[in-house]
Protein backbone atom coordinates (compact mmCIF):
# COMPACT_ATOMS: atom_id res chain seq x y z
CA MET A 1 93.71 106.98 126.12
CA ALA A 2 95.36 104.41 123.89
CA THR A 3 97.90 102.00 125.31
CA GLU A 4 101.53 101.79 124.21
CA ARG A 5 100.54 98.57 122.44
CA ALA A 6 98.26 100.60 120.18
CA TYR A 7 101.12 102.89 119.21
CA TRP A 8 103.40 100.02 118.17
CA LEU A 9 100.60 98.88 115.88
CA ALA A 10 99.88 102.41 114.63
CA TRP A 11 103.53 103.08 113.76
CA SER A 12 103.60 99.84 111.77
CA LYS A 13 100.88 101.33 109.55
CA VAL A 14 102.81 104.51 108.72
CA LYS A 15 104.16 104.35 105.18
CA ASN A 16 107.92 104.59 104.68
CA VAL A 17 108.61 103.84 108.36
CA GLY A 18 109.94 100.32 108.87
CA PRO A 19 111.10 98.21 111.82
CA VAL A 20 114.52 99.90 112.03
CA SER A 21 113.03 103.39 112.25
CA ILE A 22 110.33 102.31 114.72
CA LYS A 23 112.97 100.82 117.05
CA ARG A 24 114.98 104.04 116.78
CA LEU A 25 111.90 106.12 117.57
CA TRP A 26 111.34 104.01 120.69
CA GLU A 27 114.99 104.40 121.71
CA HIS A 28 115.01 108.16 121.13
CA PHE A 29 111.70 109.10 122.74
CA GLY A 30 111.43 106.25 125.28
CA SER A 31 107.83 105.66 124.24
CA LEU A 32 106.09 105.37 120.89
CA GLU A 33 103.18 107.36 122.28
CA VAL A 34 105.57 110.27 122.91
CA ALA A 35 107.02 109.76 119.43
CA TRP A 36 103.50 109.84 117.95
CA ARG A 37 103.01 113.36 119.30
CA ALA A 38 106.44 114.62 118.24
CA SER A 39 106.72 117.46 115.75
CA ALA A 40 108.42 117.08 112.39
CA GLY A 41 111.38 119.01 113.79
CA ASP A 42 111.72 116.64 116.74
CA LEU A 43 111.46 113.61 114.44
CA LEU A 44 114.46 114.85 112.47
CA ALA A 45 116.61 114.14 115.53
CA VAL A 46 116.05 110.40 115.00
CA ASP A 47 118.81 108.75 112.98
CA GLY A 48 117.60 107.80 109.51
CA ILE A 49 114.55 110.09 109.43
CA GLY A 50 114.97 112.89 106.91
CA LEU A 51 112.74 115.82 106.08
CA LEU A 52 110.55 113.99 103.55
CA ILE A 53 109.98 111.06 105.92
CA ALA A 54 109.24 113.41 108.84
CA GLU A 55 106.74 115.39 106.78
CA GLY A 56 105.14 112.16 105.59
CA ILE A 57 104.73 110.99 109.19
CA THR A 58 103.05 114.20 110.30
CA ALA A 59 100.71 114.06 107.29
CA GLN A 60 99.65 110.46 107.97
CA ARG A 61 99.17 110.53 111.74
CA PRO A 62 95.89 112.50 111.77
CA LYS A 63 94.35 109.76 109.58
CA LEU A 64 95.23 107.01 112.07
CA ASP A 65 93.49 106.55 115.43
CA PRO A 66 95.74 104.17 117.43
CA GLU A 67 93.00 103.08 119.82
CA ALA A 68 90.45 102.38 117.06
CA LEU A 69 93.12 100.70 114.97
CA LEU A 70 94.01 98.35 117.83
CA ALA A 71 90.38 97.45 118.50
CA GLN A 72 89.80 96.59 114.85
CA HIS A 73 93.06 94.66 114.58
CA GLU A 74 92.22 92.54 117.61
CA LYS A 75 88.93 91.57 115.97
CA GLU A 76 90.62 90.53 112.72
CA ASN A 77 93.60 88.63 114.20
CA LYS A 78 93.45 85.87 116.79
CA ALA A 79 96.66 86.58 118.65
CA PHE A 80 99.57 88.95 118.31
CA TRP A 81 102.24 90.63 120.41
CA THR A 82 103.90 94.00 120.21
CA PRO A 83 107.06 94.91 122.13
CA ALA A 84 104.76 96.52 124.70
CA ASP A 85 103.53 93.04 125.68
CA ALA A 86 105.41 91.08 128.32
CA ASP A 87 105.34 87.90 126.18
CA TYR A 88 107.14 89.50 123.24
CA PRO A 89 110.47 87.62 122.97
CA ALA A 90 113.21 89.66 124.61
CA LEU A 91 115.86 87.99 122.45
CA LEU A 92 114.08 89.16 119.30
CA PHE A 93 113.61 92.69 120.60
CA ALA A 94 117.40 92.95 121.02
CA ILE A 95 117.96 93.13 117.24
CA ASN A 96 117.95 96.49 115.49
CA ASP A 97 114.84 95.75 113.40
CA PRO A 98 112.38 93.72 115.54
CA PRO A 99 108.88 93.27 114.11
CA PRO A 100 106.57 95.90 115.63
CA VAL A 101 103.75 93.34 115.44
CA LEU A 102 104.35 89.61 115.85
CA TYR A 103 101.48 87.19 115.19
CA TYR A 104 101.49 83.79 116.88
CA HIS A 105 99.61 80.51 116.99
CA GLY A 106 100.38 78.10 119.83
CA ASP A 107 101.14 78.24 123.54
CA LEU A 108 104.92 78.42 123.91
CA ARG A 109 106.20 81.49 125.75
CA LEU A 110 109.63 82.33 124.35
CA ASN A 111 110.78 84.60 127.17
CA ASP A 112 110.97 81.52 129.39
CA LEU A 113 112.89 79.46 126.81
CA SER A 114 115.35 81.80 125.13
CA GLY A 115 118.36 80.52 127.10
CA LEU A 116 119.24 77.95 124.43
CA SER A 117 117.30 78.49 121.22
CA VAL A 118 119.00 77.19 118.08
CA GLY A 119 118.00 77.97 114.52
CA ILE A 120 118.53 75.29 111.88
CA VAL A 121 118.36 76.33 108.22
CA GLY A 122 119.35 74.99 104.83
CA THR A 123 118.34 73.88 101.38
CA ARG A 124 114.86 72.75 100.36
CA SER A 125 116.33 69.73 98.56
CA PRO A 126 119.00 68.24 100.83
CA SER A 127 121.19 65.25 100.11
CA PRO A 128 120.98 62.16 102.35
CA TYR A 129 124.03 63.55 104.18
CA GLY A 130 122.33 66.88 104.92
CA LYS A 131 119.11 65.19 105.97
CA ARG A 132 120.86 62.74 108.30
CA TRP A 133 122.94 65.36 110.06
CA THR A 134 120.01 67.75 110.40
CA GLN A 135 118.01 65.02 112.09
CA ASN A 136 120.92 64.00 114.33
CA LEU A 137 121.72 67.55 115.42
CA SER A 138 118.09 68.50 116.03
CA THR A 139 117.54 65.39 118.15
CA ARG A 140 120.68 65.85 120.26
CA LEU A 141 120.06 69.56 120.77
CA VAL A 142 116.55 68.88 122.05
CA GLN A 143 117.95 66.29 124.45
CA ALA A 144 120.34 68.99 125.68
CA GLY A 145 117.41 71.32 126.37
CA ALA A 146 117.38 73.47 123.25
CA VAL A 147 114.37 74.95 121.49
CA ILE A 148 114.63 74.43 117.72
CA VAL A 149 113.77 77.38 115.47
CA SER A 150 113.28 77.03 111.71
CA GLY A 151 111.08 78.17 108.84
CA LEU A 152 108.64 75.30 108.08
CA ALA A 153 109.95 75.11 104.50
CA GLN A 154 110.58 71.88 102.63
CA GLY A 155 113.85 70.09 103.18
CA ILE A 156 116.15 71.03 106.06
CA ASP A 157 113.47 73.06 107.90
CA THR A 158 111.01 70.18 107.83
CA TYR A 159 113.57 67.63 109.05
CA ALA A 160 114.65 69.95 111.87
CA HIS A 161 111.06 70.45 113.09
CA GLU A 162 110.07 66.79 112.72
CA SER A 163 113.14 65.45 114.52
CA CYS A 164 112.53 67.85 117.37
CA LEU A 165 108.91 66.78 117.77
CA GLN A 166 109.75 63.07 117.56
CA VAL A 167 111.74 63.30 120.80
CA GLY A 168 109.19 65.51 122.56
CA GLY A 169 111.02 68.78 122.00
CA LEU A 170 109.77 72.33 121.61
CA THR A 171 110.02 74.00 118.23
CA VAL A 172 109.21 77.39 116.73
CA ALA A 173 108.28 77.81 113.06
CA VAL A 174 108.71 81.29 111.59
CA VAL A 175 106.65 81.57 108.43
CA GLY A 176 106.36 84.01 105.52
CA THR A 177 102.55 83.79 105.50
CA GLY A 178 99.91 84.44 108.11
CA VAL A 179 100.14 81.96 111.01
CA ASP A 180 96.78 80.54 109.92
CA ARG A 181 98.09 79.65 106.45
CA VAL A 182 100.29 76.64 105.67
CA TYR A 183 103.05 76.82 103.08
CA PRO A 184 104.08 74.46 101.61
CA ALA A 185 100.74 72.65 101.65
CA GLN A 186 102.30 69.25 102.40
CA ASN A 187 103.30 70.53 105.84
CA VAL A 188 99.71 70.84 107.09
CA ARG A 189 100.16 68.00 109.57
CA LEU A 190 103.52 69.35 110.76
CA HIS A 191 102.00 72.81 111.21
CA ARG A 192 99.26 71.33 113.37
CA GLN A 193 101.76 69.39 115.49
CA ILE A 194 103.88 72.49 116.09
CA VAL A 195 100.86 74.50 117.17
CA GLU A 196 99.92 71.83 119.71
CA THR A 197 103.18 72.04 121.66
CA GLY A 198 105.23 74.90 120.21
CA LEU A 199 104.65 78.06 118.28
CA VAL A 200 104.12 79.36 114.75
CA LEU A 201 105.22 82.99 114.32
CA SER A 202 104.90 85.60 111.59
CA GLU A 203 105.02 89.35 111.16
CA TYR A 204 102.22 89.10 108.60
CA PRO A 205 98.54 89.21 109.66
CA ASP A 206 96.15 86.29 109.49
CA GLY A 207 95.09 85.37 105.98
CA THR A 208 98.33 86.51 104.30
CA GLY A 209 99.35 84.11 101.55
CA PRO A 210 102.86 83.22 100.37
CA ASP A 211 104.87 85.95 98.67
CA ARG A 212 108.53 85.54 97.76
CA LYS A 213 109.29 89.03 99.12
CA HIS A 214 108.24 87.84 102.59
CA PHE A 215 110.70 84.99 102.99
CA PRO A 216 113.98 86.94 103.10
CA GLN A 217 112.34 89.20 105.71
CA ARG A 218 111.23 86.31 107.89
CA ASN A 219 114.83 85.06 107.97
CA ARG A 220 115.78 87.91 110.28
CA ILE A 221 113.19 86.67 112.80
CA ILE A 222 114.70 83.18 112.73
CA ALA A 223 118.12 84.73 113.35
CA GLY A 224 116.81 87.09 116.02
CA LEU A 225 115.09 84.34 117.99
CA SER A 226 118.15 82.09 117.97
CA ARG A 227 121.17 82.05 120.22
CA ALA A 228 122.98 80.32 117.39
CA ILE A 229 122.27 79.46 113.76
CA LEU A 230 123.26 76.14 112.19
CA VAL A 231 123.51 75.89 108.40
CA THR A 232 123.44 72.14 107.84
CA GLU A 233 123.40 72.12 104.03
CA ALA A 234 123.00 74.98 101.59
CA PRO A 235 124.12 75.75 98.04
CA GLU A 236 125.94 78.97 97.21
CA LYS A 237 122.69 80.74 96.28
CA SER A 238 120.51 79.99 99.27
CA GLY A 239 118.24 81.93 101.58
CA ALA A 240 119.96 80.11 104.45
CA LEU A 241 123.03 82.25 103.80
CA ILE A 242 120.90 85.35 104.37
CA THR A 243 119.92 83.96 107.76
CA ALA A 244 123.57 83.27 108.56
CA ARG A 245 124.61 86.81 107.64
CA LEU A 246 121.81 88.33 109.68
CA ALA A 247 122.71 86.16 112.67
CA ASN A 248 126.26 87.42 112.41
CA ASP A 249 125.01 91.02 112.23
CA TYR A 250 123.00 90.40 115.40
CA CYS A 251 126.07 89.06 117.22
CA ARG A 252 124.76 85.49 117.29
CA GLU A 253 126.95 82.46 116.73
CA VAL A 254 126.96 80.85 113.28
CA TYR A 255 127.90 77.22 112.69
CA ALA A 256 127.99 75.31 109.42
CA LEU A 257 128.30 71.64 108.55
CA PRO A 258 131.34 70.95 106.32
CA CYS A 259 130.89 68.79 103.26
CA SER A 260 132.66 67.41 100.23
CA LEU A 261 133.63 69.81 97.47
CA ASP A 262 131.72 67.50 95.15
CA ASN A 263 128.46 68.26 97.00
CA GLU A 264 127.05 71.35 95.29
CA LYS A 265 124.17 71.41 97.77
CA GLY A 266 126.62 72.16 100.58
CA LEU A 267 129.00 74.66 98.98
CA GLY A 268 127.23 77.51 100.77
CA CYS A 269 128.28 75.94 104.08
CA LEU A 270 131.92 75.94 102.99
CA ARG A 271 131.53 79.55 101.95
CA VAL A 272 130.30 80.77 105.34
CA ILE A 273 132.98 78.71 107.09
CA ALA A 274 135.60 80.46 104.94
CA GLN A 275 134.07 83.79 106.00
CA GLY A 276 134.29 83.04 109.71
CA ALA A 277 131.50 80.65 110.72
CA GLN A 278 132.50 77.80 113.02
CA MET A 279 132.57 74.25 111.71
CA ILE A 280 130.24 71.64 113.18
CA LEU A 281 132.67 68.89 114.16
CA GLY A 282 130.23 66.54 115.82
CA GLU A 283 127.09 66.49 117.93
CA GLN A 284 128.70 66.62 121.37
CA ALA A 285 131.34 69.16 120.36
CA LEU A 286 128.57 71.46 119.14
CA ILE A 287 126.54 71.04 122.33
CA ASP A 288 129.59 71.69 124.50
CA ALA A 289 130.24 74.92 122.60
CA LEU A 290 126.62 76.10 122.76
CA VAL A 291 126.20 75.62 126.50
CA GLU A 292 129.26 77.84 127.04
CA LEU A 293 127.90 80.75 125.00
CA PRO A 294 127.81 84.06 126.89
CA PRO A 295 124.34 85.60 127.28
CA VAL A 296 122.99 87.98 124.64
CA ASN A 297 122.60 91.55 125.88
CA VAL A 298 118.82 92.08 125.84
CA VAL A 299 116.32 94.57 127.18
CA THR A 300 112.79 93.98 128.41
CA PRO A 301 110.48 94.70 125.47
CA ALA A 302 107.71 96.14 127.65
CA PRO A 303 107.86 99.97 127.61
CA VAL A 304 110.03 101.26 130.45
CA LYS A 305 111.30 104.70 129.58
CA THR A 306 114.62 104.36 131.41
CA LEU A 307 115.72 101.27 129.51
CA VAL A 308 118.73 101.33 127.23
CA ALA A 309 118.63 99.24 124.09
CA GLY A 310 120.87 96.18 123.84
CA GLU A 311 124.23 96.63 122.16
CA GLN A 312 124.09 95.85 118.46
CA GLY A 313 127.50 95.21 116.93
CA LEU A 314 127.95 94.72 113.20
CA SER A 315 130.66 92.24 112.35
CA THR A 316 132.06 91.85 108.85
CA GLN A 317 132.96 88.19 109.21
CA LEU A 318 130.13 87.12 106.95
CA ARG A 319 130.09 90.12 104.64
CA PRO A 320 129.07 89.34 101.07
CA LEU A 321 131.94 88.72 98.68
CA VAL A 322 132.49 91.74 96.46
CA GLU A 323 132.63 90.41 92.93
CA THR A 324 131.59 91.58 89.49
CA VAL A 325 128.71 89.38 88.44
CA PRO A 326 126.33 89.49 85.48
CA VAL A 327 122.94 90.97 86.32
CA PRO A 328 120.34 88.20 86.11
CA ASP A 329 116.85 88.62 84.75
CA LEU A 330 114.86 90.38 87.47
CA SER A 331 111.19 91.13 87.88
CA PRO A 332 110.16 94.77 87.32
CA PHE A 333 109.88 95.30 91.08
CA PHE A 334 113.38 94.03 91.87
CA THR A 335 114.76 96.01 88.92
CA GLN A 336 113.09 99.13 90.29
CA VAL A 337 114.71 98.68 93.69
CA LEU A 338 118.11 97.84 92.16
CA ASN A 339 117.98 100.98 90.03
CA ALA A 340 117.35 103.02 93.19
CA VAL A 341 120.69 101.87 94.67
CA SER A 342 123.77 103.81 93.58
CA VAL A 343 127.45 102.91 93.57
CA GLU A 344 127.97 105.36 96.42
CA PRO A 345 126.31 104.48 99.77
CA ILE A 346 122.67 105.53 99.86
CA SER A 347 120.29 105.50 102.82
CA LEU A 348 117.32 103.16 103.12
CA ASP A 349 114.98 106.16 103.26
CA GLN A 350 116.29 107.43 99.92
CA ILE A 351 115.87 104.01 98.33
CA VAL A 352 112.28 103.80 99.60
CA LEU A 353 111.45 107.22 98.20
CA SER A 354 113.06 106.46 94.86
CA ALA A 355 111.42 103.03 94.54
CA GLN A 356 108.03 104.52 95.53
CA THR A 357 106.93 101.59 97.67
CA ASN A 358 106.87 100.69 101.35
CA VAL A 359 109.85 99.92 103.59
CA GLY A 360 108.97 96.25 104.15
CA GLU A 361 108.91 95.42 100.45
CA VAL A 362 112.12 97.36 99.83
CA LEU A 363 113.92 95.53 102.65
CA GLY A 364 112.78 92.19 101.27
CA ALA A 365 114.00 93.16 97.79
CA LEU A 366 117.35 94.42 99.12
CA THR A 367 117.90 91.16 100.97
CA TYR A 368 117.17 89.21 97.79
CA LEU A 369 119.52 91.47 95.80
CA GLU A 370 122.21 90.94 98.43
CA LEU A 371 121.87 87.20 97.95
CA LEU A 372 122.45 87.74 94.23
CA GLU A 373 125.49 89.88 95.16
CA LEU A 374 124.09 92.88 93.29
CA VAL A 375 123.97 95.17 96.34
CA THR A 376 125.65 95.16 99.72
CA GLN A 377 124.79 96.74 103.06
CA VAL A 378 127.31 99.27 104.33
CA PRO A 379 128.59 98.25 107.79
CA GLY A 380 127.43 100.43 110.66
CA GLY A 381 124.10 101.67 109.41
CA THR A 382 121.12 101.33 107.11
CA GLN A 383 122.91 102.28 103.89
CA TYR A 384 123.35 100.22 100.75
CA GLN A 385 125.42 100.41 97.60
CA ARG A 386 125.69 98.65 94.24
CA VAL A 387 128.32 95.93 93.94
């Protein structure tokens, strides 16, 4: 008989069923093994699963053997967790769309260190001001006992990781490739240093190369792993703002470093401050605020059928600004997804069916389109609409 771990993996292979739906299946049935055996009628009771999705699930399941799938996957990938594993980060499982499979490289166990984990994000081309304050904040946070989480990208991410390591701290790099791949290439040495003492994480299997659709998706993992997110320098069109919005959706604290109005590289920070993020007013003031944060409501990821999922509020403090903007030149894929979104709210399942691709790629595209302010997520559910 296959283990619950095998069913988390198997569900991740079902087309048109993404992380949100898998978490809801677990919440509804108490076990993904039970959900695997559910009829199409029973699946319809799960929020967000319509008739076409339910019929698709029942058609695909006979072609997937969870036990054989797990055995093959373990041969092809060095190390990975599912929420059925005790080492899967409880803080990450508390979000509404945790990765059903999380690949790792390193030795850090996040369940022991999630008390004060701080994400630091920002532009790939920071000014001397942004660089200096990123280094200062990362160093002081480590000295206060924090684990630093970032994305191993050029710029702010790199300075956050490096400053952490220089003072003997623990850092987690969440990447948009397989954990065995390094992107950008100039961070090979940094990648190796992180693996030696910290952790490299990804929801993509070993061997996966860089793909721009992956990076908006990985931002939710950075936000989910962090008690608080710091945006130290970011322009108005920056992936760091996606991370800030997601952190706000997950009921995590968001802080931003103020800057001069003449600094275009930091205008995104001013924007999130105007929308409700707290200003970073100094190293010690930030640390004092972080140590006073109330605990995040989490559940143990390992399958216990009586567990109740952690509360997931959806605040509108960092909602995208609703403006009329010219539609930029988009790739055919992004255009296809945009065309699937109507002015009236439409469910994620409907967008997936209309775009005729998988949930993961659609979510990545929607996040990118949100950054461009072409679509917005409707508060309180997995619905989207055109701006």
